[in-house]
Structures are given as structure tokens and as C-alpha cells.
């Protein structure tokens, strides 16, 4: 093979390597930016309750226990909405340790 032909082969190989690396970078960038529907459905949405919070509770998955103290305590409820999306709702309740006397 002549040096001129060898130079052409090297240029073509360099171009192929650059194209392959570019496509890898683009694929990785797109994978980071566009979550799939399955991934977004499995990741719970965490929200804090306010009086204006619209609740769409189709199924309660779990609730944290309320401690035996006489004060306001934070609790969590995990639930699924009517679309099957999981949510974690943070809210506050009065503890179960108060006596009425």
C-alpha cells in the first residue's frame, strides 16, 4: 500500500471514530434528559400538605405511626392516585400522648 493510500485509510478511520464517539455522547445526553414513563411512574412524588392541596387518593400504601407524645408531630402517607402514580404526602398531626383531664 502506498503512503497516499495509507493516509486516506487513516483519515477515514479517524472520521469513523469521531462519528462513533459523537453518537455515544448524544445518546448519553438524551438518556439523562428524557426519563421513561415507567421510571417516572415508579418514582414517588413527595409533597407537603397545605389547605389548598388537591388530593387524589385511590389507594393508601402506607402511613407512618403517630408517636405517644403530646405535641404536633410530622407524619407521612404514601398513596397511589387514580392514574397509578405514587405520592408521599408530608403533614402534621397532634401526637397520641395527650390526656383529657
N, C-alpha and C. Protein backbone atom coordinates (compact mmCIF):
# COMPACT_ATOMS: atom_id res chain seq x y z
N UNK A 1 0.84 -1.17 0.00
CA UNK A 1 0.00 0.00 0.00
C UNK A 1 0.89 1.24 0.00
N UNK A 2 0.54 2.19 -0.82
CA UNK A 2 1.34 3.40 -0.94
C UNK A 2 1.03 4.33 0.24
N UNK A 3 1.96 5.24 0.54
CA UNK A 3 1.74 6.18 1.64
C UNK A 3 0.49 7.04 1.42
N UNK A 4 0.17 7.38 0.18
CA UNK A 4 -1.01 8.19 -0.10
C UNK A 4 -2.29 7.40 0.22
N UNK A 5 -2.33 6.14 -0.17
CA UNK A 5 -3.49 5.30 0.10
C UNK A 5 -3.63 5.05 1.61
N UNK A 6 -2.49 4.87 2.27
CA UNK A 6 -2.49 4.66 3.71
C UNK A 6 -3.02 5.90 4.44
N UNK A 7 -2.66 7.08 3.97
CA UNK A 7 -3.13 8.32 4.56
C UNK A 7 -4.66 8.44 4.42
N UNK A 8 -5.21 8.04 3.27
CA UNK A 8 -6.66 8.07 3.05
C UNK A 8 -7.37 7.14 4.03
N UNK A 9 -6.81 5.95 4.25
CA UNK A 9 -7.41 4.98 5.17
C UNK A 9 -7.42 5.55 6.58
N UNK A 10 -6.32 6.18 6.99
CA UNK A 10 -6.24 6.76 8.35
C UNK A 10 -7.28 7.88 8.53
N UNK A 11 -7.46 8.71 7.50
CA UNK A 11 -8.45 9.79 7.59
C UNK A 11 -9.86 9.24 7.72
N UNK A 12 -10.15 8.18 6.96
CA UNK A 12 -11.47 7.56 7.04
C UNK A 12 -11.70 6.94 8.42
N UNK A 13 -10.68 6.31 8.96
CA UNK A 13 -10.80 5.69 10.28
C UNK A 13 -11.01 6.76 11.36
N UNK A 14 -10.28 7.88 11.25
CA UNK A 14 -10.46 8.97 12.21
C UNK A 14 -11.89 9.50 12.14
N UNK A 15 -12.41 9.66 10.93
CA UNK A 15 -13.78 10.16 10.78
C UNK A 15 -14.78 9.19 11.41
N UNK A 16 -14.58 7.89 11.22
CA UNK A 16 -15.48 6.89 11.81
C UNK A 16 -15.41 6.92 13.33
N UNK A 17 -14.23 7.07 13.88
CA UNK A 17 -14.07 7.13 15.34
C UNK A 17 -14.77 8.37 15.89
N UNK A 18 -14.60 9.52 15.24
CA UNK A 18 -15.24 10.75 15.68
C UNK A 18 -16.76 10.61 15.62
N UNK A 19 -17.29 10.01 14.56
CA UNK A 19 -18.73 9.82 14.44
C UNK A 19 -19.26 8.88 15.52
N UNK A 20 -18.53 7.82 15.80
CA UNK A 20 -18.97 6.87 16.82
C UNK A 20 -18.97 7.52 18.20
N UNK A 21 -17.94 8.28 18.53
CA UNK A 21 -17.89 8.95 19.82
C UNK A 21 -18.97 10.02 19.94
N UNK A 22 -19.24 10.72 18.86
CA UNK A 22 -20.29 11.75 18.87
C UNK A 22 -21.66 11.12 19.12
N UNK A 23 -21.93 10.01 18.46
CA UNK A 23 -23.23 9.37 18.66
C UNK A 23 -23.36 8.83 20.08
N UNK A 24 -22.27 8.37 20.67
CA UNK A 24 -22.30 7.92 22.06
C UNK A 24 -22.63 9.08 23.00
N UNK A 25 -22.01 10.22 22.79
CA UNK A 25 -22.26 11.39 23.63
C UNK A 25 -23.69 11.88 23.52
N UNK A 26 -24.22 11.90 22.31
CA UNK A 26 -25.61 12.35 22.10
C UNK A 26 -26.57 11.38 22.77
N UNK A 27 -26.33 10.08 22.63
CA UNK A 27 -27.19 9.08 23.25
C UNK A 27 -27.19 9.22 24.77
N UNK A 28 -26.02 9.42 25.36
CA UNK A 28 -25.93 9.59 26.81
C UNK A 28 -26.64 10.85 27.27
N UNK A 29 -26.51 11.93 26.52
CA UNK A 29 -27.17 13.18 26.90
C UNK A 29 -28.68 13.04 26.81
N UNK A 30 -29.19 12.39 25.79
CA UNK A 30 -30.63 12.21 25.65
C UNK A 30 -31.17 11.28 26.73
N UNK A 31 -30.41 10.28 27.12
CA UNK A 31 -30.85 9.36 28.15
C UNK A 31 -30.98 10.07 29.49
N UNK A 32 -30.12 11.04 29.78
CA UNK A 32 -30.20 11.79 31.02
C UNK A 32 -31.38 12.74 31.04
N UNK A 33 -31.77 13.28 29.90
CA UNK A 33 -32.80 14.30 29.86
C UNK A 33 -34.21 13.76 29.76
N UNK A 34 -34.42 12.60 29.17
CA UNK A 34 -35.76 12.11 28.91
C UNK A 34 -36.05 10.87 29.74
N UNK A 35 -36.66 11.02 30.92
CA UNK A 35 -37.00 9.83 31.71
C UNK A 35 -38.15 9.07 31.04
N UNK A 36 -38.15 7.79 31.20
CA UNK A 36 -39.20 6.98 30.61
C UNK A 36 -40.46 7.07 31.45
N UNK A 37 -41.58 6.71 30.85
CA UNK A 37 -42.84 6.71 31.60
C UNK A 37 -42.79 5.75 32.77
N UNK A 38 -42.13 4.60 32.57
CA UNK A 38 -42.05 3.62 33.64
C UNK A 38 -41.26 4.17 34.82
N UNK A 39 -40.15 4.82 34.54
CA UNK A 39 -39.33 5.38 35.62
C UNK A 39 -40.07 6.48 36.35
N UNK A 40 -40.79 7.34 35.64
CA UNK A 40 -41.49 8.43 36.30
C UNK A 40 -42.69 7.92 37.09
N UNK A 41 -43.28 6.80 36.70
CA UNK A 41 -44.40 6.25 37.44
C UNK A 41 -43.94 5.57 38.72
N UNK A 42 -42.72 5.03 38.75
CA UNK A 42 -42.22 4.33 39.92
C UNK A 42 -41.62 5.26 40.95
N UNK A 43 -41.23 6.44 40.56
CA UNK A 43 -40.64 7.39 41.50
C UNK A 43 -41.76 8.18 42.17
N UNK A 44 -41.90 8.05 43.50
CA UNK A 44 -42.97 8.77 44.17
C UNK A 44 -42.75 10.29 44.13
N UNK A 45 -43.85 11.01 44.03
CA UNK A 45 -43.81 12.47 44.11
C UNK A 45 -43.95 12.84 45.57
N UNK A 46 -42.99 13.59 46.11
CA UNK A 46 -43.02 13.99 47.51
C UNK A 46 -43.60 15.40 47.59
N UNK A 47 -44.63 15.57 48.42
CA UNK A 47 -45.27 16.87 48.54
C UNK A 47 -45.67 17.14 49.99
N UNK A 48 -45.68 18.41 50.36
CA UNK A 48 -46.11 18.84 51.69
C UNK A 48 -47.56 19.28 51.62
N UNK A 49 -48.37 18.84 52.57
CA UNK A 49 -49.78 19.16 52.58
C UNK A 49 -50.01 20.62 52.98
N UNK A 50 -50.90 21.29 52.25
CA UNK A 50 -51.41 22.60 52.62
C UNK A 50 -52.93 22.53 52.47
N UNK A 51 -53.62 23.53 52.95
CA UNK A 51 -55.08 23.53 52.84
C UNK A 51 -55.56 23.54 51.39
N UNK A 52 -54.75 24.04 50.50
CA UNK A 52 -55.15 24.08 49.08
C UNK A 52 -54.69 22.86 48.28
N UNK A 53 -54.06 21.88 48.94
CA UNK A 53 -53.59 20.68 48.25
C UNK A 53 -54.78 19.85 47.78
N UNK A 54 -54.82 19.55 46.48
CA UNK A 54 -55.86 18.67 45.93
C UNK A 54 -55.37 17.24 46.07
N UNK A 55 -56.12 16.43 46.78
CA UNK A 55 -55.73 15.04 47.00
C UNK A 55 -56.55 14.12 46.09
N UNK A 56 -55.86 13.26 45.39
CA UNK A 56 -56.48 12.24 44.54
C UNK A 56 -55.98 10.90 45.05
N UNK A 57 -56.58 10.41 46.13
CA UNK A 57 -56.12 9.18 46.78
C UNK A 57 -57.00 8.03 46.33
N UNK A 58 -56.43 7.13 45.55
CA UNK A 58 -57.15 5.94 45.13
C UNK A 58 -56.85 4.76 46.07
N UNK A 59 -55.59 4.73 46.58
CA UNK A 59 -55.18 3.62 47.44
C UNK A 59 -54.09 4.09 48.38
N UNK A 60 -54.27 3.89 49.68
CA UNK A 60 -53.23 4.21 50.66
C UNK A 60 -52.27 3.02 50.72
N UNK A 61 -50.99 3.29 50.51
CA UNK A 61 -49.98 2.24 50.53
C UNK A 61 -49.43 2.07 51.94
N UNK A 62 -49.09 3.17 52.60
CA UNK A 62 -48.59 3.09 53.97
C UNK A 62 -48.76 4.44 54.67
N UNK A 63 -48.77 4.38 56.00
CA UNK A 63 -48.82 5.59 56.82
C UNK A 63 -47.83 5.42 57.95
N UNK A 64 -47.16 6.51 58.32
CA UNK A 64 -46.24 6.42 59.45
C UNK A 64 -47.05 6.40 60.74
N UNK A 65 -46.48 5.81 61.77
CA UNK A 65 -47.18 5.74 63.05
C UNK A 65 -47.11 7.09 63.77
N UNK A 66 -48.13 7.35 64.57
CA UNK A 66 -48.19 8.60 65.33
C UNK A 66 -47.62 8.32 66.71
N UNK A 67 -46.57 9.05 67.12
CA UNK A 67 -45.93 8.76 68.40
C UNK A 67 -46.80 9.15 69.60
N UNK A 68 -46.49 8.57 70.75
CA UNK A 68 -47.21 8.82 72.00
C UNK A 68 -46.61 10.04 72.71
N UNK A 69 -46.77 11.20 72.11
CA UNK A 69 -46.31 12.46 72.70
C UNK A 69 -47.47 13.45 72.65
N UNK A 70 -47.39 14.49 73.45
CA UNK A 70 -48.45 15.50 73.47
C UNK A 70 -47.94 16.76 72.78
N UNK A 71 -47.73 16.66 71.48
CA UNK A 71 -47.28 17.79 70.67
C UNK A 71 -47.56 17.49 69.21
N UNK A 72 -47.43 18.49 68.36
CA UNK A 72 -47.62 18.31 66.93
C UNK A 72 -46.40 17.61 66.36
N UNK A 73 -46.65 16.57 65.56
CA UNK A 73 -45.55 15.77 65.01
C UNK A 73 -45.73 15.61 63.50
N UNK A 74 -44.61 15.50 62.77
CA UNK A 74 -44.72 15.25 61.31
C UNK A 74 -44.99 13.77 61.05
N UNK A 75 -45.84 13.50 60.06
CA UNK A 75 -46.12 12.14 59.63
C UNK A 75 -46.14 12.09 58.11
N UNK A 76 -46.11 10.88 57.57
CA UNK A 76 -46.11 10.69 56.12
C UNK A 76 -47.16 9.67 55.74
N UNK A 77 -47.74 9.88 54.57
CA UNK A 77 -48.66 8.91 53.99
C UNK A 77 -48.21 8.67 52.56
N UNK A 78 -48.03 7.42 52.21
CA UNK A 78 -47.71 7.07 50.83
C UNK A 78 -48.97 6.52 50.19
N UNK A 79 -49.32 7.05 49.02
CA UNK A 79 -50.55 6.62 48.36
C UNK A 79 -50.39 6.61 46.85
N UNK A 80 -51.34 5.95 46.18
CA UNK A 80 -51.41 5.96 44.73
C UNK A 80 -52.63 6.77 44.33
N UNK A 81 -52.47 7.59 43.28
CA UNK A 81 -53.62 8.35 42.78
C UNK A 81 -54.39 7.53 41.76
N UNK A 82 -55.43 8.11 41.17
CA UNK A 82 -56.28 7.37 40.24
C UNK A 82 -55.55 7.00 38.94
N UNK A 83 -54.40 7.60 38.68
CA UNK A 83 -53.60 7.27 37.50
C UNK A 83 -52.53 6.21 37.80
N UNK A 84 -52.42 5.78 39.06
CA UNK A 84 -51.42 4.80 39.45
C UNK A 84 -50.09 5.41 39.87
N UNK A 85 -49.99 6.73 39.89
CA UNK A 85 -48.75 7.42 40.30
C UNK A 85 -48.66 7.41 41.82
N UNK A 86 -47.48 7.08 42.35
CA UNK A 86 -47.28 7.08 43.80
C UNK A 86 -46.91 8.47 44.28
N UNK A 87 -47.40 8.80 45.48
CA UNK A 87 -47.12 10.08 46.12
C UNK A 87 -46.74 9.82 47.57
N UNK A 88 -45.91 10.69 48.12
CA UNK A 88 -45.62 10.71 49.55
C UNK A 88 -46.06 12.08 50.05
N UNK A 89 -47.01 12.08 50.98
CA UNK A 89 -47.57 13.32 51.50
C UNK A 89 -47.06 13.54 52.91
N UNK A 90 -46.38 14.66 53.13
CA UNK A 90 -45.92 15.06 54.45
C UNK A 90 -46.95 15.99 55.08
N UNK A 91 -47.34 15.71 56.31
CA UNK A 91 -48.29 16.58 57.01
C UNK A 91 -48.04 16.48 58.51
N UNK A 92 -48.78 17.26 59.31
CA UNK A 92 -48.59 17.29 60.76
C UNK A 92 -49.89 16.92 61.47
N UNK A 93 -49.76 16.17 62.57
CA UNK A 93 -50.91 15.81 63.41
C UNK A 93 -50.51 15.96 64.87
N UNK A 94 -51.52 15.99 65.73
CA UNK A 94 -51.26 16.00 67.18
C UNK A 94 -50.92 14.58 67.61
N UNK A 95 -49.90 14.44 68.43
CA UNK A 95 -49.49 13.13 68.90
C UNK A 95 -50.56 12.47 69.76
N UNK A 96 -50.42 11.18 69.98
CA UNK A 96 -51.41 10.40 70.73
C UNK A 96 -51.16 10.39 72.23
N UNK A 97 -50.25 11.18 72.74
CA UNK A 97 -49.88 11.12 74.16
C UNK A 97 -50.57 12.11 75.06
N UNK A 98 -51.57 12.82 74.58
CA UNK A 98 -52.25 13.82 75.41
C UNK A 98 -53.40 13.16 76.17
N UNK A 99 -53.59 13.59 77.42
CA UNK A 99 -54.73 13.07 78.20
C UNK A 99 -55.76 14.17 78.33
N UNK A 100 -57.01 13.79 78.39
CA UNK A 100 -58.09 14.77 78.50
C UNK A 100 -58.47 14.93 79.97
N UNK A 101 -57.70 15.58 80.75
CA UNK A 101 -58.08 15.62 82.14
C UNK A 101 -57.64 16.79 82.86
